[in-house]
Amino acid sequence: MLRSGLFLAFCALPCGGAAAPPERIVSLAPNLTQMVVALGGGGSLAAVTPFCQAPADVARLPGGIQPEAETVLGLGPDLVLATSMTPATTREQLARLGVRVEVLDADSLDGIRGTQQKLAGLLGVAAPVLPVTAKPVTGKSVALLFGADTGYSAGCGTHAHEILEAAGLRNIAADAGGPWPQLGEEFLLAADPDVIVIADYGGANRKEVLEILQRHPVRRHLAAVRSGRIVVFPAPAFSVPGPAALEAGEKLRAEVKKF
């Protein structure tokens, strides 16, 4: 397998000059897959992880974000998009065999913008005009919860925290410690946030979420629950550092203005 992969890799190398836009891309991260699709490169995707949102006819890689090098080579890619979570041994083995590997990490909104612009260059398309939101003056306090019945949140050092700030909100989880803290009920009661944002993966509507919070023995006492200042927002914007995150701040700001 490795010998045939080596032959394919060398055959795919350009003879000279600037590298041609890739025709077979293997993406090893959901956010990079989203960016490729957003830039119009979905037709060049040869394979993605099982966690990626991509056309149904694109192969899903066994091993997820950490596949074996032999599996990737068997797909004959001319570009592999990886992150620092991709095992170094896999990246090094692919590179030794002549496969172009680009390691692209995006841990902040600026990082997402930079990565998307770099991908535009790799794909040979015009760099998108990306929204840039200056950090606003601190406004209402907010609790971001991944699900109405969990305490999982996002603190400093995450792009999710930056989204809340871009929406003009003060994130109470910034005082909880750690980038992805779990907020306890006592912490929520003491902070008593002005707004609660529920990051939802399942398409729940605001009425259903509010009813869950109103039945909760502790959270029903929060001012945001009593006053109905609840926003249900798509969770991928907060959990996946991709294109949706760049627009999330303004969209969330618009939702909060309704209160």
Protein backbone atom coordinates (compact mmCIF):
# COMPACT_ATOMS: atom_id res chain seq x y z
CA MET A 1 0.00 0.00 0.00
CA LEU A 2 2.76 2.42 0.93
CA ARG A 3 4.68 1.77 -2.30
CA SER A 4 1.60 2.33 -4.46
CA GLY A 5 0.77 5.41 -2.41
CA LEU A 6 4.28 6.71 -2.98
CA PHE A 7 3.90 6.21 -6.75
CA LEU A 8 0.55 8.04 -6.78
CA ALA A 9 1.94 10.86 -4.69
CA PHE A 10 4.90 11.46 -7.02
CA CYS A 11 2.66 11.28 -10.10
CA ALA A 12 0.49 13.99 -8.59
CA LEU A 13 3.38 16.40 -8.06
CA PRO A 14 3.46 19.42 -10.42
CA CYS A 15 6.33 19.59 -12.92
CA GLY A 16 7.20 23.18 -12.05
CA GLY A 17 5.85 26.60 -11.32
CA ALA A 18 3.02 27.40 -8.96
CA ALA A 19 1.06 24.47 -7.59
CA ALA A 20 -2.24 23.87 -9.36
CA PRO A 21 -5.46 24.06 -7.31
CA PRO A 22 -6.05 20.71 -5.58
CA GLU A 23 -8.44 18.23 -7.16
CA ARG A 24 -8.58 15.63 -4.38
CA ILE A 25 -8.69 17.06 -0.88
CA VAL A 26 -8.79 15.00 2.29
CA SER A 27 -10.00 17.08 5.25
CA LEU A 28 -9.25 15.86 8.76
CA ALA A 29 -11.26 18.46 10.68
CA PRO A 30 -14.94 19.52 10.59
CA ASN A 31 -14.14 23.25 10.59
CA LEU A 32 -11.75 22.91 7.64
CA THR A 33 -14.36 20.94 5.72
CA GLN A 34 -16.91 23.69 6.37
CA MET A 35 -14.49 26.30 5.07
CA VAL A 36 -13.72 24.33 1.90
CA VAL A 37 -17.44 23.97 1.18
CA ALA A 38 -18.09 27.65 1.93
CA LEU A 39 -15.33 28.60 -0.52
CA GLY A 40 -16.93 26.52 -3.27
CA GLY A 41 -14.45 23.65 -3.08
CA GLY A 42 -16.87 20.93 -2.02
CA GLY A 43 -16.49 19.19 -5.39
CA SER A 44 -12.78 18.66 -4.69
CA LEU A 45 -13.33 16.79 -1.43
CA ALA A 46 -12.21 13.18 -1.73
CA ALA A 47 -12.81 12.26 1.92
CA VAL A 48 -13.66 13.84 5.28
CA THR A 49 -14.12 12.71 8.86
CA PRO A 50 -17.42 11.14 9.96
CA PHE A 51 -18.05 14.32 11.98
CA CYS A 52 -17.90 16.65 8.96
CA GLN A 53 -20.79 18.26 7.13
CA ALA A 54 -20.14 17.46 3.48
CA PRO A 55 -22.01 16.11 0.43
CA ALA A 56 -23.26 12.57 0.98
CA ASP A 57 -21.15 11.16 -1.86
CA VAL A 58 -17.90 12.22 -0.19
CA ALA A 59 -16.16 9.30 1.54
CA ARG A 60 -15.93 9.25 5.34
CA LEU A 61 -12.56 8.28 6.75
CA PRO A 62 -12.24 5.40 9.21
CA GLY A 63 -10.41 6.68 12.25
CA GLY A 64 -12.11 10.07 12.29
CA ILE A 65 -9.74 12.99 12.87
CA GLN A 66 -6.85 10.59 13.51
CA PRO A 67 -6.78 8.18 10.54
CA GLU A 68 -3.90 5.93 9.54
CA ALA A 69 -1.55 7.34 6.92
CA GLU A 70 -2.10 4.27 4.70
CA THR A 71 -5.85 4.93 4.64
CA VAL A 72 -5.33 8.52 3.53
CA LEU A 73 -2.77 7.53 0.89
CA GLY A 74 -5.19 5.01 -0.61
CA LEU A 75 -7.46 7.91 -1.57
CA GLY A 76 -4.79 9.50 -3.77
CA PRO A 77 -5.07 13.03 -2.34
CA ASP A 78 -3.11 15.98 -3.68
CA LEU A 79 -3.83 17.98 -0.50
CA VAL A 80 -4.45 16.90 3.08
CA LEU A 81 -5.89 19.47 5.47
CA ALA A 82 -4.87 18.70 9.03
CA THR A 83 -4.73 20.31 12.46
CA SER A 84 -2.40 19.94 15.42
CA MET A 85 -4.79 17.18 16.60
CA THR A 86 -3.73 15.05 13.64
CA PRO A 87 -0.99 12.74 14.92
CA ALA A 88 2.47 14.09 14.06
CA THR A 89 3.52 10.64 12.84
CA THR A 90 0.66 10.60 10.33
CA ARG A 91 1.48 14.08 9.05
CA GLU A 92 5.19 13.31 8.77
CA GLN A 93 4.63 10.02 6.98
CA LEU A 94 2.34 11.61 4.42
CA ALA A 95 4.78 14.46 3.84
CA ARG A 96 7.69 12.01 3.36
CA LEU A 97 5.66 10.26 0.68
CA GLY A 98 5.19 13.49 -1.25
CA VAL A 99 1.65 14.35 -0.18
CA ARG A 100 1.09 18.02 0.53
CA VAL A 101 -0.07 18.45 4.11
CA GLU A 102 -1.28 21.80 5.44
CA VAL A 103 -1.68 22.15 9.21
CA LEU A 104 -4.31 24.80 9.92
CA ASP A 105 -5.40 25.62 13.46
CA ALA A 106 -8.10 28.16 14.27
CA ASP A 107 -8.67 28.73 17.97
CA SER A 108 -10.02 32.30 17.77
CA LEU A 109 -12.16 34.42 15.46
CA ASP A 110 -9.01 36.00 14.01
CA GLY A 111 -7.61 32.52 13.57
CA ILE A 112 -10.73 31.44 11.69
CA ARG A 113 -10.47 34.46 9.39
CA GLY A 114 -6.79 33.79 8.71
CA THR A 115 -7.34 30.10 8.06
CA GLN A 116 -10.22 30.75 5.67
CA GLN A 117 -8.12 33.25 3.72
CA LYS A 118 -5.23 30.79 3.52
CA LEU A 119 -7.60 28.09 2.28
CA ALA A 120 -8.87 30.47 -0.39
CA GLY A 121 -5.29 30.78 -1.62
CA LEU A 122 -4.81 27.01 -1.62
CA LEU A 123 -8.01 26.52 -3.61
CA GLY A 124 -7.15 29.28 -6.06
CA VAL A 125 -10.29 31.30 -5.34
CA ALA A 126 -10.80 34.90 -4.30
CA ALA A 127 -10.36 35.49 -0.58
CA PRO A 128 -13.74 36.18 1.02
CA VAL A 129 -14.61 39.49 2.62
CA LEU A 130 -14.99 38.41 6.22
CA PRO A 131 -16.86 40.28 8.95
CA VAL A 132 -14.71 41.86 11.63
CA THR A 133 -16.43 42.96 14.81
CA ALA A 134 -14.60 45.20 17.25
CA LYS A 135 -14.88 44.13 20.85
CA PRO A 136 -17.78 46.17 22.28
CA VAL A 137 -18.22 47.73 25.68
CA THR A 138 -19.38 45.17 28.23
CA GLY A 139 -23.17 44.86 28.30
CA LYS A 140 -25.62 42.36 29.70
CA SER A 141 -24.31 39.28 31.46
CA VAL A 142 -24.85 35.93 29.76
CA ALA A 143 -24.63 32.23 30.52
CA LEU A 144 -23.88 30.04 27.51
CA LEU A 145 -25.04 26.46 28.12
CA PHE A 146 -24.65 23.53 25.75
CA GLY A 147 -28.15 22.20 26.36
CA ALA A 148 -30.89 23.39 28.70
CA ASP A 149 -30.19 20.69 31.28
CA THR A 150 -26.38 20.77 31.34
CA GLY A 151 -23.77 23.05 32.85
CA TYR A 152 -21.27 22.79 30.02
CA SER A 153 -20.16 26.24 28.89
CA ALA A 154 -17.27 28.14 27.27
CA GLY A 155 -14.83 30.48 28.96
CA CYS A 156 -11.81 32.60 28.10
CA GLY A 157 -9.51 31.32 25.41
CA THR A 158 -12.28 29.98 23.16
CA HIS A 159 -13.83 31.41 20.03
CA ALA A 160 -17.23 30.85 21.70
CA HIS A 161 -16.27 33.38 24.38
CA GLU A 162 -15.30 35.83 21.64
CA ILE A 163 -18.69 35.37 19.98
CA LEU A 164 -20.44 36.36 23.21
CA GLU A 165 -18.25 39.44 23.50
CA ALA A 166 -18.89 40.34 19.86
CA ALA A 167 -22.61 40.25 20.69
CA GLY A 168 -22.02 42.82 23.44
CA LEU A 169 -22.44 40.31 26.25
CA ARG A 170 -20.39 39.67 29.40
CA ASN A 171 -19.69 35.97 29.75
CA ILE A 172 -20.13 34.78 33.34
CA ALA A 173 -18.06 31.66 32.55
CA ALA A 174 -15.01 33.89 32.23
CA ASP A 175 -14.91 33.77 36.05
CA ALA A 176 -15.34 29.99 36.23
CA GLY A 177 -11.80 29.07 35.18
CA GLY A 178 -10.74 26.99 32.20
CA PRO A 179 -11.76 27.24 28.55
CA TRP A 180 -14.64 24.74 28.75
CA PRO A 181 -15.96 24.82 32.33
CA GLN A 182 -19.02 23.08 33.72
CA LEU A 183 -21.10 25.64 35.61
CA GLY A 184 -22.67 24.43 38.84
CA GLU A 185 -26.17 25.44 39.94
CA GLU A 186 -24.83 27.53 42.84
CA PHE A 187 -22.56 29.39 40.43
CA LEU A 188 -25.50 30.12 38.12
CA LEU A 189 -27.65 31.34 40.98
CA ALA A 190 -24.92 33.62 42.29
CA ALA A 191 -24.18 35.08 38.85
CA ASP A 192 -27.87 35.28 37.90
CA PRO A 193 -27.17 36.21 34.26
CA ASP A 194 -29.34 38.71 32.38
CA VAL A 195 -29.54 36.38 29.37
CA ILE A 196 -29.20 32.63 28.90
CA VAL A 197 -28.04 31.32 25.53
CA ILE A 198 -28.76 27.66 24.92
CA ALA A 199 -26.48 26.12 22.31
CA ASP A 200 -28.70 23.52 20.68
CA TYR A 201 -27.74 20.60 18.42
CA GLY A 202 -31.16 19.05 17.94
CA GLY A 203 -33.36 21.80 16.53
CA ALA A 204 -35.30 22.45 19.75
CA ASN A 205 -37.44 25.57 19.67
CA ARG A 206 -37.39 28.38 22.23
CA LYS A 207 -40.74 27.39 23.77
CA GLU A 208 -39.55 23.85 24.48
CA VAL A 209 -36.27 25.06 25.97
CA LEU A 210 -37.98 27.64 28.16
CA GLU A 211 -40.36 24.99 29.49
CA ILE A 212 -37.41 22.76 30.42
CA LEU A 213 -35.78 25.62 32.30
CA GLN A 214 -39.02 26.55 34.05
CA ARG A 215 -39.38 22.97 35.32
CA HIS A 216 -35.81 22.84 36.60
CA PRO A 217 -35.72 22.95 40.44
CA VAL A 218 -32.91 25.54 40.46
CA ARG A 219 -32.83 27.30 37.10
CA ARG A 220 -36.47 28.30 37.28
CA HIS A 221 -35.40 30.87 39.89
CA LEU A 222 -32.98 32.65 37.55
CA ALA A 223 -34.09 36.11 36.44
CA ALA A 224 -33.49 35.27 32.78
CA VAL A 225 -35.82 32.27 33.04
CA ARG A 226 -38.52 34.16 34.96
CA SER A 227 -38.41 36.98 32.39
CA GLY A 228 -38.07 34.71 29.35
CA ARG A 229 -34.71 36.16 28.25
CA ILE A 230 -33.69 32.90 26.59
CA VAL A 231 -31.98 32.57 23.21
CA VAL A 232 -31.72 29.22 21.43
CA PHE A 233 -28.78 29.32 19.03
CA PRO A 234 -27.22 26.67 16.74
CA ALA A 235 -24.47 24.96 18.74
CA PRO A 236 -22.00 24.42 15.87
CA ALA A 237 -21.24 28.16 15.80
CA PHE A 238 -19.85 27.80 19.33
CA SER A 239 -18.29 24.35 19.09
CA VAL A 240 -16.82 24.36 15.57
CA PRO A 241 -14.38 27.17 14.69
CA GLY A 242 -15.69 27.54 11.16
CA PRO A 243 -17.45 30.09 8.93
CA ALA A 244 -20.66 30.17 10.99
CA ALA A 245 -18.71 31.47 13.99
CA LEU A 246 -17.74 34.65 12.13
CA GLU A 247 -21.36 35.70 11.70
CA ALA A 248 -22.62 34.44 15.05
CA GLY A 249 -21.81 37.58 17.06
CA GLU A 250 -24.02 39.89 15.00
CA LYS A 251 -26.81 37.31 14.79
CA LEU A 252 -26.73 36.79 18.55
CA ARG A 253 -26.68 40.53 19.15
CA ALA A 254 -29.85 40.86 17.05
CA GLU A 255 -31.57 38.16 19.11
CA VAL A 256 -30.67 39.79 22.42
CA LYS A 257 -31.97 43.16 21.22
CA LYS A 258 -35.47 41.63 21.13
CA PHE A 259 -35.59 41.59 24.94
